[in-house]
Structures are given as structure tokens and as C-alpha cells.
């Protein structure tokens, strides 16, 4: 079972398309970004919180932010 499957399907129904992925580990960010892209999402990546804030402030719209803690 895909752990993010049901959640991603619910998001798609709400027309979420633009995601901001904040992850400093490229071994995680790369495959996750590719998988989300294959599902039809537009993914913008940032490796640091400050970069993510700059992207979000300048973006027309971000539907969902995915970040590591």
C-alpha cells in the first residue's frame, strides 16, 4: 500500500496542484519530487526554510507545503 496514496487522492479532488517541497536531503527530495511530478503535481523544491519562505513570498500561489522537521 502506498502510504501517501489516500491522502494524495483526497488532495487531488480538492484541485491541489502546486506543491512546495522543503527537504535538505536530496536522497529523499529527488524521488519524492519525481513521484509527485508523475502524479501531475507542479513541484517547487527548496532545501532550506529561508529559501522556502522566499519562494512562498514570491509565488503566485502554493497549494500545499511539504516539509521535513
PDB file of N, CA and C in Angstrom:
ATOM      1  N   UNK A   1       0.844  -1.187   0.000  1.00  0.00           N
ATOM      2  CA  UNK A   1       0.000   0.000   0.000  1.00  0.00           C
ATOM      3  C   UNK A   1       0.883   1.242   0.000  1.00  0.00           C
ATOM      4  N   UNK A   2       0.540   2.196  -0.796  1.00  0.00           N
ATOM      5  CA  UNK A   2       1.259   3.466  -0.861  1.00  0.00           C
ATOM      6  C   UNK A   2       0.873   4.298   0.354  1.00  0.00           C
ATOM      7  N   UNK A   3       1.853   4.625   1.246  1.00  0.00           N
ATOM      8  CA  UNK A   3       1.499   5.345   2.470  1.00  0.00           C
ATOM      9  C   UNK A   3       0.875   6.709   2.222  1.00  0.00           C
ATOM     10  N   UNK A   4       1.207   7.356   1.134  1.00  0.00           N
ATOM     11  CA  UNK A   4       0.628   8.670   0.860  1.00  0.00           C
ATOM     12  C   UNK A   4      -0.565   8.603  -0.062  1.00  0.00           C
ATOM     13  N   UNK A   5      -0.894   7.418  -0.546  1.00  0.00           N
ATOM     14  CA  UNK A   5      -1.934   7.246  -1.545  1.00  0.00           C
ATOM     15  C   UNK A   5      -3.266   7.898  -1.232  1.00  0.00           C
ATOM     16  N   UNK A   6      -3.931   7.476  -0.161  1.00  0.00           N
ATOM     17  CA  UNK A   6      -5.255   8.045   0.120  1.00  0.00           C
ATOM     18  C   UNK A   6      -5.204   9.555   0.322  1.00  0.00           C
ATOM     19  N   UNK A   7      -4.195  10.032   0.984  1.00  0.00           N
ATOM     20  CA  UNK A   7      -4.076  11.472   1.232  1.00  0.00           C
ATOM     21  C   UNK A   7      -3.899  12.223  -0.083  1.00  0.00           C
ATOM     22  N   UNK A   8      -3.017  11.751  -0.963  1.00  0.00           N
ATOM     23  CA  UNK A   8      -2.796  12.419  -2.242  1.00  0.00           C
ATOM     24  C   UNK A   8      -4.046  12.397  -3.097  1.00  0.00           C
ATOM     25  N   UNK A   9      -4.803  11.296  -3.058  1.00  0.00           N
ATOM     26  CA  UNK A   9      -6.027  11.236  -3.852  1.00  0.00           C
ATOM     27  C   UNK A   9      -7.046  12.234  -3.338  1.00  0.00           C
ATOM     28  N   UNK A  10      -7.138  12.404  -2.028  1.00  0.00           N
ATOM     29  CA  UNK A  10      -8.062  13.372  -1.458  1.00  0.00           C
ATOM     30  C   UNK A  10      -7.642  14.792  -1.861  1.00  0.00           C
ATOM     31  N   UNK A  11      -6.343  15.071  -1.841  1.00  0.00           N
ATOM     32  CA  UNK A  11      -5.864  16.385  -2.236  1.00  0.00           C
ATOM     33  C   UNK A  11      -6.186  16.669  -3.693  1.00  0.00           C
ATOM     34  N   UNK A  12      -6.012  15.685  -4.545  1.00  0.00           N
ATOM     35  CA  UNK A  12      -6.273  15.868  -5.966  1.00  0.00           C
ATOM     36  C   UNK A  12      -7.728  16.268  -6.192  1.00  0.00           C
ATOM     37  N   UNK A  13      -8.629  15.687  -5.425  1.00  0.00           N
ATOM     38  CA  UNK A  13     -10.037  16.022  -5.580  1.00  0.00           C
ATOM     39  C   UNK A  13     -10.293  17.484  -5.239  1.00  0.00           C
ATOM     40  N   UNK A  14      -9.466  18.038  -4.364  1.00  0.00           N
ATOM     41  CA  UNK A  14      -9.606  19.441  -3.990  1.00  0.00           C
ATOM     42  C   UNK A  14      -8.820  20.349  -4.931  1.00  0.00           C
ATOM     43  N   UNK A  15      -8.273  19.794  -6.008  1.00  0.00           N
ATOM     44  CA  UNK A  15      -7.554  20.526  -7.052  1.00  0.00           C
ATOM     45  C   UNK A  15      -6.239  21.141  -6.573  1.00  0.00           C
ATOM     46  N   UNK A  16      -5.570  20.482  -5.664  1.00  0.00           N
ATOM     47  CA  UNK A  16      -4.238  20.910  -5.264  1.00  0.00           C
ATOM     48  C   UNK A  16      -3.292  20.540  -6.392  1.00  0.00           C
ATOM     49  N   UNK A  17      -2.572  21.503  -6.894  1.00  0.00           N
ATOM     50  CA  UNK A  17      -1.655  21.202  -7.989  1.00  0.00           C
ATOM     51  C   UNK A  17      -0.257  21.743  -7.753  1.00  0.00           C
ATOM     52  N   UNK A  18      -0.109  22.820  -7.007  1.00  0.00           N
ATOM     53  CA  UNK A  18       1.202  23.442  -6.808  1.00  0.00           C
ATOM     54  C   UNK A  18       1.726  23.143  -5.413  1.00  0.00           C
ATOM     55  N   UNK A  19       2.823  22.400  -5.368  1.00  0.00           N
ATOM     56  CA  UNK A  19       3.409  21.986  -4.099  1.00  0.00           C
ATOM     57  C   UNK A  19       4.776  22.615  -3.908  1.00  0.00           C
ATOM     58  N   UNK A  20       5.081  22.960  -2.666  1.00  0.00           N
ATOM     59  CA  UNK A  20       6.410  23.408  -2.294  1.00  0.00           C
ATOM     60  C   UNK A  20       7.003  22.330  -1.397  1.00  0.00           C
ATOM     61  N   UNK A  21       8.049  21.685  -1.860  1.00  0.00           N
ATOM     62  CA  UNK A  21       8.711  20.609  -1.130  1.00  0.00           C
ATOM     63  C   UNK A  21       9.969  21.173  -0.488  1.00  0.00           C
ATOM     64  N   UNK A  22      10.019  21.134   0.844  1.00  0.00           N
ATOM     65  CA  UNK A  22      11.163  21.655   1.591  1.00  0.00           C
ATOM     66  C   UNK A  22      11.875  20.472   2.236  1.00  0.00           C
ATOM     67  N   UNK A  23      13.021  20.126   1.685  1.00  0.00           N
ATOM     68  CA  UNK A  23      13.775  18.946   2.149  1.00  0.00           C
ATOM     69  C   UNK A  23      15.242  19.152   1.826  1.00  0.00           C
ATOM     70  N   UNK A  24      16.091  19.029   2.848  1.00  0.00           N
ATOM     71  CA  UNK A  24      17.522  19.258   2.627  1.00  0.00           C
ATOM     72  C   UNK A  24      18.272  18.008   2.192  1.00  0.00           C
ATOM     73  N   UNK A  25      17.652  16.863   2.304  1.00  0.00           N
ATOM     74  CA  UNK A  25      18.295  15.607   1.919  1.00  0.00           C
ATOM     75  C   UNK A  25      17.874  15.243   0.499  1.00  0.00           C
ATOM     76  N   UNK A  26      18.796  15.378  -0.448  1.00  0.00           N
ATOM     77  CA  UNK A  26      18.446  15.124  -1.850  1.00  0.00           C
ATOM     78  C   UNK A  26      18.061  13.666  -2.103  1.00  0.00           C
ATOM     79  N   UNK A  27      18.543  12.745  -1.259  1.00  0.00           N
ATOM     80  CA  UNK A  27      18.162  11.333  -1.407  1.00  0.00           C
ATOM     81  C   UNK A  27      16.677  11.127  -1.131  1.00  0.00           C
ATOM     82  N   UNK A  28      16.073  12.037  -0.406  1.00  0.00           N
ATOM     83  CA  UNK A  28      14.631  11.998  -0.151  1.00  0.00           C
ATOM     84  C   UNK A  28      13.905  12.914  -1.133  1.00  0.00           C
ATOM     85  N   UNK A  29      14.434  14.112  -1.316  1.00  0.00           N
ATOM     86  CA  UNK A  29      13.752  15.120  -2.135  1.00  0.00           C
ATOM     87  C   UNK A  29      13.621  14.701  -3.601  1.00  0.00           C
ATOM     88  N   UNK A  30      14.683  14.144  -4.171  1.00  0.00           N
ATOM     89  CA  UNK A  30      14.662  13.777  -5.598  1.00  0.00           C
ATOM     90  C   UNK A  30      13.562  12.763  -5.925  1.00  0.00           C
ATOM     91  N   UNK A  31      13.543  11.596  -5.264  1.00  0.00           N
ATOM     92  CA  UNK A  31      12.500  10.617  -5.631  1.00  0.00           C
ATOM     93  C   UNK A  31      11.092  11.088  -5.280  1.00  0.00           C
ATOM     94  N   UNK A  32      10.950  11.822  -4.177  1.00  0.00           N
ATOM     95  CA  UNK A  32       9.629  12.330  -3.813  1.00  0.00           C
ATOM     96  C   UNK A  32       9.149  13.348  -4.837  1.00  0.00           C
ATOM     97  N   UNK A  33      10.019  14.228  -5.251  1.00  0.00           N
ATOM     98  CA  UNK A  33       9.682  15.224  -6.256  1.00  0.00           C
ATOM     99  C   UNK A  33       9.290  14.555  -7.576  1.00  0.00           C
ATOM    100  N   UNK A  34      10.049  13.560  -7.985  1.00  0.00           N
ATOM    101  CA  UNK A  34       9.732  12.840  -9.233  1.00  0.00           C
ATOM    102  C   UNK A  34       8.375  12.133  -9.134  1.00  0.00           C
ATOM    103  N   UNK A  35       8.121  11.500  -7.997  1.00  0.00           N
ATOM    104  CA  UNK A  35       6.856  10.783  -7.823  1.00  0.00           C
ATOM    105  C   UNK A  35       5.669  11.751  -7.863  1.00  0.00           C
ATOM    106  N   UNK A  36       5.800  12.876  -7.205  1.00  0.00           N
ATOM    107  CA  UNK A  36       4.724  13.864  -7.215  1.00  0.00           C
ATOM    108  C   UNK A  36       4.529  14.442  -8.613  1.00  0.00           C
ATOM    109  N   UNK A  37       5.618  14.669  -9.313  1.00  0.00           N
ATOM    110  CA  UNK A  37       5.545  15.164 -10.682  1.00  0.00           C
ATOM    111  C   UNK A  37       4.818  14.161 -11.581  1.00  0.00           C
ATOM    112  N   UNK A  38       5.124  12.889 -11.418  1.00  0.00           N
ATOM    113  CA  UNK A  38       4.451  11.845 -12.216  1.00  0.00           C
ATOM    114  C   UNK A  38       2.950  11.812 -11.946  1.00  0.00           C
ATOM    115  N   UNK A  39       2.562  12.206 -10.726  1.00  0.00           N
ATOM    116  CA  UNK A  39       1.137  12.225 -10.370  1.00  0.00           C
ATOM    117  C   UNK A  39       0.438  13.485 -10.871  1.00  0.00           C
ATOM    118  N   UNK A  40       1.195  14.374 -11.508  1.00  0.00           N
ATOM    119  CA  UNK A  40       0.584  15.550 -12.110  1.00  0.00           C
ATOM    120  C   UNK A  40       0.715  16.832 -11.309  1.00  0.00           C
ATOM    121  N   UNK A  41       1.458  16.790 -10.218  1.00  0.00           N
ATOM    122  CA  UNK A  41       1.640  17.988  -9.407  1.00  0.00           C
ATOM    123  C   UNK A  41       2.793  18.821  -9.934  1.00  0.00           C
ATOM    124  N   UNK A  42       2.705  20.120  -9.771  1.00  0.00           N
ATOM    125  CA  UNK A  42       3.808  21.021 -10.064  1.00  0.00           C
ATOM    126  C   UNK A  42       4.577  21.187  -8.768  1.00  0.00           C
ATOM    127  N   UNK A  43       5.832  20.750  -8.753  1.00  0.00           N
ATOM    128  CA  UNK A  43       6.628  20.739  -7.528  1.00  0.00           C
ATOM    129  C   UNK A  43       7.754  21.765  -7.625  1.00  0.00           C
ATOM    130  N   UNK A  44       7.812  22.628  -6.634  1.00  0.00           N
ATOM    131  CA  UNK A  44       8.927  23.548  -6.469  1.00  0.00           C
ATOM    132  C   UNK A  44       9.678  23.085  -5.235  1.00  0.00           C
ATOM    133  N   UNK A  45      11.005  23.004  -5.355  1.00  0.00           N
ATOM    134  CA  UNK A  45      11.809  22.492  -4.243  1.00  0.00           C
ATOM    135  C   UNK A  45      12.638  23.584  -3.594  1.00  0.00           C
ATOM    136  N   UNK A  46      12.811  23.442  -2.291  1.00  0.00           N
ATOM    137  CA  UNK A  46      13.720  24.291  -1.519  1.00  0.00           C
ATOM    138  C   UNK A  46      14.446  23.383  -0.539  1.00  0.00           C
ATOM    139  N   UNK A  47      15.717  23.668  -0.310  1.00  0.00           N
ATOM    140  CA  UNK A  47      16.481  22.818   0.607  1.00  0.00           C
ATOM    141  C   UNK A  47      16.596  23.422   2.005  1.00  0.00           C
ATOM    142  N   UNK A  48      16.207  24.687   2.155  1.00  0.00           N
ATOM    143  CA  UNK A  48      16.275  25.340   3.469  1.00  0.00           C
ATOM    144  C   UNK A  48      14.994  26.131   3.720  1.00  0.00           C
ATOM    145  N   UNK A  49      14.685  26.309   4.992  1.00  0.00           N
ATOM    146  CA  UNK A  49      13.487  27.042   5.361  1.00  0.00           C
ATOM    147  C   UNK A  49      13.458  28.470   4.833  1.00  0.00           C
ATOM    148  N   UNK A  50      14.600  29.158   4.914  1.00  0.00           N
ATOM    149  CA  UNK A  50      14.650  30.536   4.431  1.00  0.00           C
ATOM    150  C   UNK A  50      14.410  30.610   2.923  1.00  0.00           C
ATOM    151  N   UNK A  51      14.932  29.626   2.196  1.00  0.00           N
ATOM    152  CA  UNK A  51      14.676  29.567   0.751  1.00  0.00           C
ATOM    153  C   UNK A  51      13.191  29.354   0.486  1.00  0.00           C
ATOM    154  N   UNK A  52      12.583  28.474   1.269  1.00  0.00           N
ATOM    155  CA  UNK A  52      11.154  28.182   1.109  1.00  0.00           C
ATOM    156  C   UNK A  52      10.311  29.421   1.368  1.00  0.00           C
ATOM    157  N   UNK A  53      10.677  30.197   2.389  1.00  0.00           N
ATOM    158  CA  UNK A  53       9.938  31.425   2.677  1.00  0.00           C
ATOM    159  C   UNK A  53      10.035  32.406   1.510  1.00  0.00           C
ATOM    160  N   UNK A  54      11.212  32.511   0.925  1.00  0.00           N
ATOM    161  CA  UNK A  54      11.382  33.391  -0.231  1.00  0.00           C
ATOM    162  C   UNK A  54      10.557  32.935  -1.420  1.00  0.00           C
ATOM    163  N   UNK A  55      10.547  31.645  -1.655  1.00  0.00           N
ATOM    164  CA  UNK A  55       9.756  31.095  -2.768  1.00  0.00           C
ATOM    165  C   UNK A  55       8.277  31.346  -2.527  1.00  0.00           C
ATOM    166  N   UNK A  56       7.817  31.054  -1.313  1.00  0.00           N
ATOM    167  CA  UNK A  56       6.398  31.223  -0.991  1.00  0.00           C
ATOM    168  C   UNK A  56       5.981  32.688  -1.083  1.00  0.00           C
ATOM    169  N   UNK A  57       6.846  33.591  -0.658  1.00  0.00           N
ATOM    170  CA  UNK A  57       6.516  35.022  -0.700  1.00  0.00           C
ATOM    171  C   UNK A  57       6.415  35.523  -2.135  1.00  0.00           C
ATOM    172  N   UNK A  58       7.210  34.966  -3.026  1.00  0.00           N
ATOM    173  CA  UNK A  58       7.212  35.419  -4.412  1.00  0.00           C
ATOM    174  C   UNK A  58       6.288  34.642  -5.320  1.00  0.00           C
ATOM    175  N   UNK A  59       5.725  33.562  -4.824  1.00  0.00           N
ATOM    176  CA  UNK A  59       4.883  32.702  -5.662  1.00  0.00           C
ATOM    177  C   UNK A  59       3.475  33.278  -5.778  1.00  0.00           C
ATOM    178  N   UNK A  60       2.906  33.079  -6.940  1.00  0.00           N
ATOM    179  CA  UNK A  60       1.517  33.491  -7.131  1.00  0.00           C
ATOM    180  C   UNK A  60       0.607  32.675  -6.227  1.00  0.00           C
ATOM    181  N   UNK A  61       0.895  31.393  -6.127  1.00  0.00           N
ATOM    182  CA  UNK A  61       0.045  30.514  -5.326  1.00  0.00           C
ATOM    183  C   UNK A  61       0.780  29.212  -5.036  1.00  0.00           C
ATOM    184  N   UNK A  62       0.734  28.788  -3.802  1.00  0.00           N
ATOM    185  CA  UNK A  62       1.225  27.465  -3.391  1.00  0.00           C
ATOM    186  C   UNK A  62       0.038  26.793  -2.709  1.00  0.00           C
ATOM    187  N   UNK A  63      -0.336  25.624  -3.170  1.00  0.00           N
ATOM    188  CA  UNK A  63      -1.482  24.930  -2.614  1.00  0.00           C
ATOM    189  C   UNK A  63      -1.148  24.126  -1.356  1.00  0.00           C
ATOM    190  N   UNK A  64       0.083  23.597  -1.326  1.00  0.00           N
ATOM    191  CA  UNK A  64       0.455  22.735  -0.207  1.00  0.00           C
ATOM    192  C   UNK A  64       1.960  22.791  -0.028  1.00  0.00           C
ATOM    193  N   UNK A  65       2.408  22.840   1.232  1.00  0.00           N
ATOM    194  CA  UNK A  65       3.829  22.789   1.558  1.00  0.00           C
ATOM    195  C   UNK A  65       4.108  21.467   2.245  1.00  0.00           C
ATOM    196  N   UNK A  66       5.106  20.751   1.746  1.00  0.00           N
ATOM    197  CA  UNK A  66       5.561  19.509   2.374  1.00  0.00           C
ATOM    198  C   UNK A  66       6.953  19.775   2.904  1.00  0.00           C
ATOM    199  N   UNK A  67       7.153  19.573   4.203  1.00  0.00           N
ATOM    200  CA  UNK A  67       8.466  19.856   4.773  1.00  0.00           C
ATOM    201  C   UNK A  67       8.874  18.802   5.775  1.00  0.00           C
ATOM    202  N   UNK A  68      10.187  18.723   5.959  1.00  0.00           N
ATOM    203  CA  UNK A  68      10.702  17.807   6.976  1.00  0.00           C
ATOM    204  C   UNK A  68      10.912  18.609   8.254  1.00  0.00           C
ATOM    205  N   UNK A  69      10.908  17.903   9.366  1.00  0.00           N
ATOM    206  CA  UNK A  69      11.111  18.555  10.661  1.00  0.00           C
ATOM    207  C   UNK A  69      12.360  18.028  11.305  1.00  0.00           C
TER     208      UNK A  69
END
